[in-house]
């Protein structure tokens, strides 16, 4: 019987300490409704959890009048802050940002951090960034591998490929991207789900999987036009290791424990 309990990580961990601050060696811009909110070459990173940082923008590099102090103090993981409302013309977004107070790490005092979703479009230099800032300590490699990969669920073989492209991303389980010719498409149904990744881009397709026991939503995905750093995965399909049973070169792989900021924060309260 397959052991479906989550196992300890078998990949490099995220190691940046909470509260760490570093300079951002890139021009950072944010837009709302097509209008610039900030434009800076003096941003800082701060880590509120080990997975990825937040941008901290100097107040002087924010469009004048774009923020209004709400008179509310916040107690965040690394220090205090003042909550801000974003105002751009007739558009108002309460709680869109916070300005770091004097008990925050010294490198970010007087800087402002915006909630990611409060800004319509983020740019590093002239390239748009999705989901969250790219972590300067994260490495993402797409490696061709001649080790066979078998994917099963409820005893049903979903894929059996003689090779794959392995995507190795710091802090996450290895993902195995497979040629479509080795999948059992009678078990796959396309869904309308779209997700984004700051390192790989925006997905082209997601699929639900049907076994003789149940249907499992959004268990596989692909990138038709991935970011240039991972172009070998273009058009290939990967499955959630956490939700299927994988064999690599005939050896069963343990299901990895899920990784997310919400899980990390729950475990570090």
Protein backbone atom coordinates (compact mmCIF):
# COMPACT_ATOMS: atom_id res chain seq x y z
CA UNK A 1 0.00 0.00 0.00
CA UNK A 2 1.28 3.48 -0.88
CA UNK A 3 2.23 5.67 2.07
CA UNK A 4 0.40 8.95 1.47
CA UNK A 5 1.50 10.72 4.63
CA UNK A 6 3.56 13.89 4.00
CA UNK A 7 7.27 13.33 4.49
CA UNK A 8 10.08 15.68 5.56
CA UNK A 9 11.54 17.75 2.71
CA UNK A 10 13.98 16.05 0.35
CA UNK A 11 15.09 19.32 -1.24
CA UNK A 12 17.10 22.39 -0.14
CA UNK A 13 15.25 24.45 2.43
CA UNK A 14 14.46 28.15 2.40
CA UNK A 15 17.08 29.67 4.70
CA UNK A 16 16.70 33.48 4.71
CA UNK A 17 15.90 34.63 8.28
CA UNK A 18 12.78 36.63 9.01
CA UNK A 19 13.62 40.33 9.29
CA UNK A 20 16.55 40.16 6.88
CA UNK A 21 16.98 43.32 4.75
CA UNK A 22 18.91 43.71 1.51
CA UNK A 23 19.12 46.37 -1.24
CA UNK A 24 17.22 45.73 -4.48
CA UNK A 25 19.62 46.14 -7.41
CA UNK A 26 16.75 46.75 -9.85
CA UNK A 27 14.41 49.55 -10.80
CA UNK A 28 11.00 48.79 -9.26
CA UNK A 29 7.78 50.36 -10.56
CA UNK A 30 4.11 49.93 -9.69
CA UNK A 31 1.02 50.99 -11.64
CA UNK A 32 -2.66 51.29 -10.78
CA UNK A 33 -5.25 51.82 -13.53
CA UNK A 34 -2.37 52.58 -15.89
CA UNK A 35 -0.94 55.35 -13.70
CA UNK A 36 2.43 55.17 -11.90
CA UNK A 37 2.30 54.87 -8.11
CA UNK A 38 6.03 54.58 -7.47
CA UNK A 39 9.28 54.41 -9.41
CA UNK A 40 12.47 53.69 -7.50
CA UNK A 41 16.02 52.44 -7.83
CA UNK A 42 16.43 52.56 -4.04
CA UNK A 43 14.05 49.81 -2.92
CA UNK A 44 14.88 47.31 -0.19
CA UNK A 45 13.88 43.72 0.37
CA UNK A 46 12.57 42.55 3.74
CA UNK A 47 11.71 38.94 4.52
CA UNK A 48 8.54 38.38 6.56
CA UNK A 49 8.87 34.64 5.97
CA UNK A 50 11.75 32.63 4.43
CA UNK A 51 10.12 31.94 1.07
CA UNK A 52 10.33 35.31 -0.62
CA UNK A 53 10.76 39.00 0.33
CA UNK A 54 8.57 42.08 0.15
CA UNK A 55 9.63 45.30 -1.56
CA UNK A 56 10.11 48.38 0.63
CA UNK A 57 9.82 51.64 -1.34
CA UNK A 58 11.28 54.95 -0.07
CA UNK A 59 8.45 57.39 0.68
CA UNK A 60 10.12 60.02 -1.52
CA UNK A 61 9.74 57.75 -4.58
CA UNK A 62 5.96 57.41 -4.25
CA UNK A 63 3.68 59.74 -6.22
CA UNK A 64 2.79 62.71 -4.02
CA UNK A 65 -0.65 62.37 -2.47
CA UNK A 66 -1.02 58.71 -3.44
CA UNK A 67 -1.09 57.52 0.19
CA UNK A 68 -3.18 58.67 3.14
CA UNK A 69 -2.37 57.57 6.69
CA UNK A 70 -5.38 55.80 8.21
CA UNK A 71 -4.34 56.51 11.79
CA UNK A 72 -4.01 52.81 12.52
CA UNK A 73 -0.90 51.09 13.84
CA UNK A 74 0.05 47.56 12.78
CA UNK A 75 2.15 45.07 14.71
CA UNK A 76 3.87 43.04 11.99
CA UNK A 77 6.27 40.15 12.36
CA UNK A 78 9.43 42.29 12.24
CA UNK A 79 8.18 45.61 13.63
CA UNK A 80 5.47 48.22 13.76
CA UNK A 81 3.93 50.14 10.85
CA UNK A 82 1.20 52.63 9.97
CA UNK A 83 -1.59 51.48 7.66
CA UNK A 84 -2.10 53.50 4.46
CA UNK A 85 -4.92 54.01 1.96
CA UNK A 86 -4.01 54.27 -1.72
CA UNK A 87 -5.78 57.04 -3.67
CA UNK A 88 -5.41 57.46 -7.41
CA UNK A 89 -8.00 59.80 -8.89
CA UNK A 90 -11.43 58.42 -8.02
CA UNK A 91 -9.97 55.05 -7.06
CA UNK A 92 -9.51 54.29 -3.34
CA UNK A 93 -7.95 51.14 -1.87
CA UNK A 94 -7.95 51.06 1.95
CA UNK A 95 -5.17 49.10 3.62
CA UNK A 96 -3.17 49.01 0.40
CA UNK A 97 0.16 49.67 2.11
CA UNK A 98 1.96 50.25 5.36
CA UNK A 99 4.81 52.58 6.31
CA UNK A 100 7.44 51.01 8.53
CA UNK A 101 7.87 52.58 11.98
CA UNK A 102 10.98 53.19 14.05
CA UNK A 103 11.10 49.71 15.63
CA UNK A 104 11.36 48.00 12.23
CA UNK A 105 14.78 46.93 10.89
CA UNK A 106 16.83 50.09 10.40
CA UNK A 107 17.19 49.69 6.64
CA UNK A 108 13.44 49.99 6.00
CA UNK A 109 12.30 52.62 8.52
CA UNK A 110 10.38 55.29 6.59
CA UNK A 111 9.90 52.94 3.64
CA UNK A 112 6.50 51.74 2.42
CA UNK A 113 5.47 48.19 1.58
CA UNK A 114 2.45 47.67 -0.68
CA UNK A 115 0.17 44.67 -0.59
CA UNK A 116 0.88 42.87 -3.85
CA UNK A 117 -2.75 42.77 -4.94
CA UNK A 118 -3.19 46.50 -4.28
CA UNK A 119 -0.95 47.27 -7.28
CA UNK A 120 -2.27 46.33 -10.73
CA UNK A 121 1.13 45.82 -12.40
CA UNK A 122 4.62 45.42 -10.92
CA UNK A 123 7.82 45.79 -12.91
CA UNK A 124 11.45 44.90 -12.27
CA UNK A 125 13.27 47.06 -14.81
CA UNK A 126 11.07 46.62 -17.93
CA UNK A 127 9.78 43.13 -17.15
CA UNK A 128 6.47 42.53 -15.40
CA UNK A 129 6.61 40.42 -12.24
CA UNK A 130 3.72 38.24 -11.04
CA UNK A 131 2.54 36.92 -7.65
CA UNK A 132 5.40 38.21 -5.48
CA UNK A 133 8.95 39.59 -5.76
CA UNK A 134 11.56 37.18 -7.06
CA UNK A 135 13.75 35.95 -4.23
CA UNK A 136 17.43 36.73 -4.96
CA UNK A 137 18.37 33.61 -2.99
CA UNK A 138 16.11 31.27 -4.96
CA UNK A 139 17.58 29.22 -7.77
CA UNK A 140 15.39 27.60 -10.45
CA UNK A 141 16.91 25.02 -12.83
CA UNK A 142 15.22 23.07 -15.63
CA UNK A 143 17.29 19.94 -16.27
CA UNK A 144 16.69 17.20 -18.84
CA UNK A 145 16.76 13.79 -17.15
CA UNK A 146 16.84 10.26 -18.58
CA UNK A 147 15.37 8.76 -15.42
CA UNK A 148 11.93 7.30 -16.02
CA UNK A 149 8.90 8.82 -14.27
CA UNK A 150 5.64 6.98 -13.54
CA UNK A 151 2.64 8.85 -12.15
CA UNK A 152 -0.18 6.94 -10.43
CA UNK A 153 -3.28 7.77 -8.43
CA UNK A 154 -5.70 5.30 -6.83
CA UNK A 155 -3.71 2.55 -8.55
CA UNK A 156 -4.34 4.09 -11.98
CA UNK A 157 -1.33 4.90 -14.18
CA UNK A 158 -1.68 8.48 -15.41
CA UNK A 159 1.72 8.76 -17.09
CA UNK A 160 4.73 6.56 -17.75
CA UNK A 161 7.58 8.50 -19.34
CA UNK A 162 11.15 7.36 -20.07
CA UNK A 163 12.50 10.87 -19.45
CA UNK A 164 11.46 14.25 -18.05
CA UNK A 165 12.55 17.81 -17.51
CA UNK A 166 13.15 18.27 -13.80
CA UNK A 167 12.47 21.72 -12.36
CA UNK A 168 14.45 22.26 -9.17
CA UNK A 169 13.40 25.37 -7.23
CA UNK A 170 14.88 26.27 -3.86
CA UNK A 171 12.50 25.39 -1.05
CA UNK A 172 10.04 23.41 -3.19
CA UNK A 173 9.74 19.75 -4.23
CA UNK A 174 11.27 18.80 -7.58
CA UNK A 175 8.66 18.94 -10.35
CA UNK A 176 8.79 16.47 -13.25
CA UNK A 177 7.59 17.81 -16.60
CA UNK A 178 6.57 15.06 -19.01
CA UNK A 179 6.07 14.80 -22.75
CA UNK A 180 2.33 14.67 -23.53
CA UNK A 181 2.68 11.49 -25.56
CA UNK A 182 3.28 9.52 -22.35
CA UNK A 183 0.07 10.64 -20.56
CA UNK A 184 -3.25 8.78 -20.44
CA UNK A 185 -5.48 11.51 -21.82
CA UNK A 186 -8.63 9.44 -21.29
CA UNK A 187 -8.20 10.31 -17.60
CA UNK A 188 -7.58 14.04 -18.10
CA UNK A 189 -10.09 16.89 -18.36
CA UNK A 190 -9.03 20.47 -19.03
CA UNK A 191 -10.21 23.07 -16.51
CA UNK A 192 -10.27 26.84 -16.76
CA UNK A 193 -7.75 27.41 -13.98
CA UNK A 194 -4.85 29.80 -14.61
CA UNK A 195 -2.03 30.44 -12.14
CA UNK A 196 1.13 32.52 -12.25
CA UNK A 197 4.66 32.06 -10.95
CA UNK A 198 7.34 34.77 -10.71
CA UNK A 199 9.94 32.31 -12.04
CA UNK A 200 8.02 30.29 -14.64
CA UNK A 201 5.33 32.65 -15.92
CA UNK A 202 1.61 32.03 -16.44
CA UNK A 203 0.15 28.57 -16.95
CA UNK A 204 -1.52 27.70 -20.24
CA UNK A 205 -3.64 24.77 -19.04
CA UNK A 206 -4.72 22.88 -15.95
CA UNK A 207 -6.30 19.43 -15.89
CA UNK A 208 -8.48 17.47 -13.53
CA UNK A 209 -7.81 13.72 -13.29
CA UNK A 210 -10.45 11.01 -13.15
CA UNK A 211 -9.72 7.61 -11.64
CA UNK A 212 -12.13 4.74 -11.03
CA UNK A 213 -12.66 6.11 -7.51
CA UNK A 214 -12.93 9.89 -7.85
CA UNK A 215 -12.19 13.03 -9.84
CA UNK A 216 -9.37 15.26 -8.59
CA UNK A 217 -9.41 18.93 -9.68
CA UNK A 218 -6.39 20.84 -10.99
CA UNK A 219 -3.81 18.13 -10.43
CA UNK A 220 -1.67 18.75 -13.55
CA UNK A 221 -0.59 21.83 -15.49
CA UNK A 222 1.56 23.13 -18.33
CA UNK A 223 3.27 26.28 -19.60
CA UNK A 224 3.13 26.72 -23.37
CA UNK A 225 5.29 29.86 -23.21
CA UNK A 226 7.28 29.74 -19.96
CA UNK A 227 9.81 32.29 -18.76
CA UNK A 228 13.08 32.09 -20.66
CA UNK A 229 14.93 30.64 -17.64
CA UNK A 230 12.83 27.45 -17.88
CA UNK A 231 12.17 27.19 -21.62
CA UNK A 232 12.80 23.38 -21.65
CA UNK A 233 9.40 22.85 -19.96
CA UNK A 234 7.43 24.49 -22.81
CA UNK A 235 4.41 22.34 -23.66
CA UNK A 236 5.25 19.64 -21.10
CA UNK A 237 2.92 18.56 -18.28
CA UNK A 238 3.67 18.31 -14.55
CA UNK A 239 1.66 16.74 -11.73
CA UNK A 240 1.38 17.85 -8.10
CA UNK A 241 3.80 15.55 -6.27
CA UNK A 242 1.80 16.19 -3.10
CA UNK A 243 -1.35 14.68 -4.62
CA UNK A 244 -0.16 11.78 -6.78
CA UNK A 245 2.15 8.77 -6.38
CA UNK A 246 5.45 9.11 -8.26
CA UNK A 247 8.10 6.57 -9.11
CA UNK A 248 11.51 7.75 -10.31
CA UNK A 249 13.59 5.07 -12.04
CA UNK A 250 11.28 2.48 -10.53
CA UNK A 251 11.69 3.76 -6.97
CA UNK A 252 8.60 5.20 -5.19
CA UNK A 253 9.00 8.78 -4.05
CA UNK A 254 7.41 9.93 -0.78
CA UNK A 255 4.71 12.54 -1.11
CA UNK A 256 6.26 15.84 0.01
CA UNK A 257 4.63 17.99 2.66
CA UNK A 258 2.80 21.02 1.21
CA UNK A 259 4.75 24.30 1.23
CA UNK A 260 3.07 27.69 1.52
CA UNK A 261 3.35 30.91 3.47
CA UNK A 262 0.06 30.16 5.25
CA UNK A 263 1.35 26.77 6.43
CA UNK A 264 4.67 28.30 7.56
CA UNK A 265 2.94 31.07 9.52
CA UNK A 266 0.61 28.58 11.19
CA UNK A 267 3.59 26.52 12.30
CA UNK A 268 5.53 29.58 13.57
CA UNK A 269 2.93 31.36 15.63
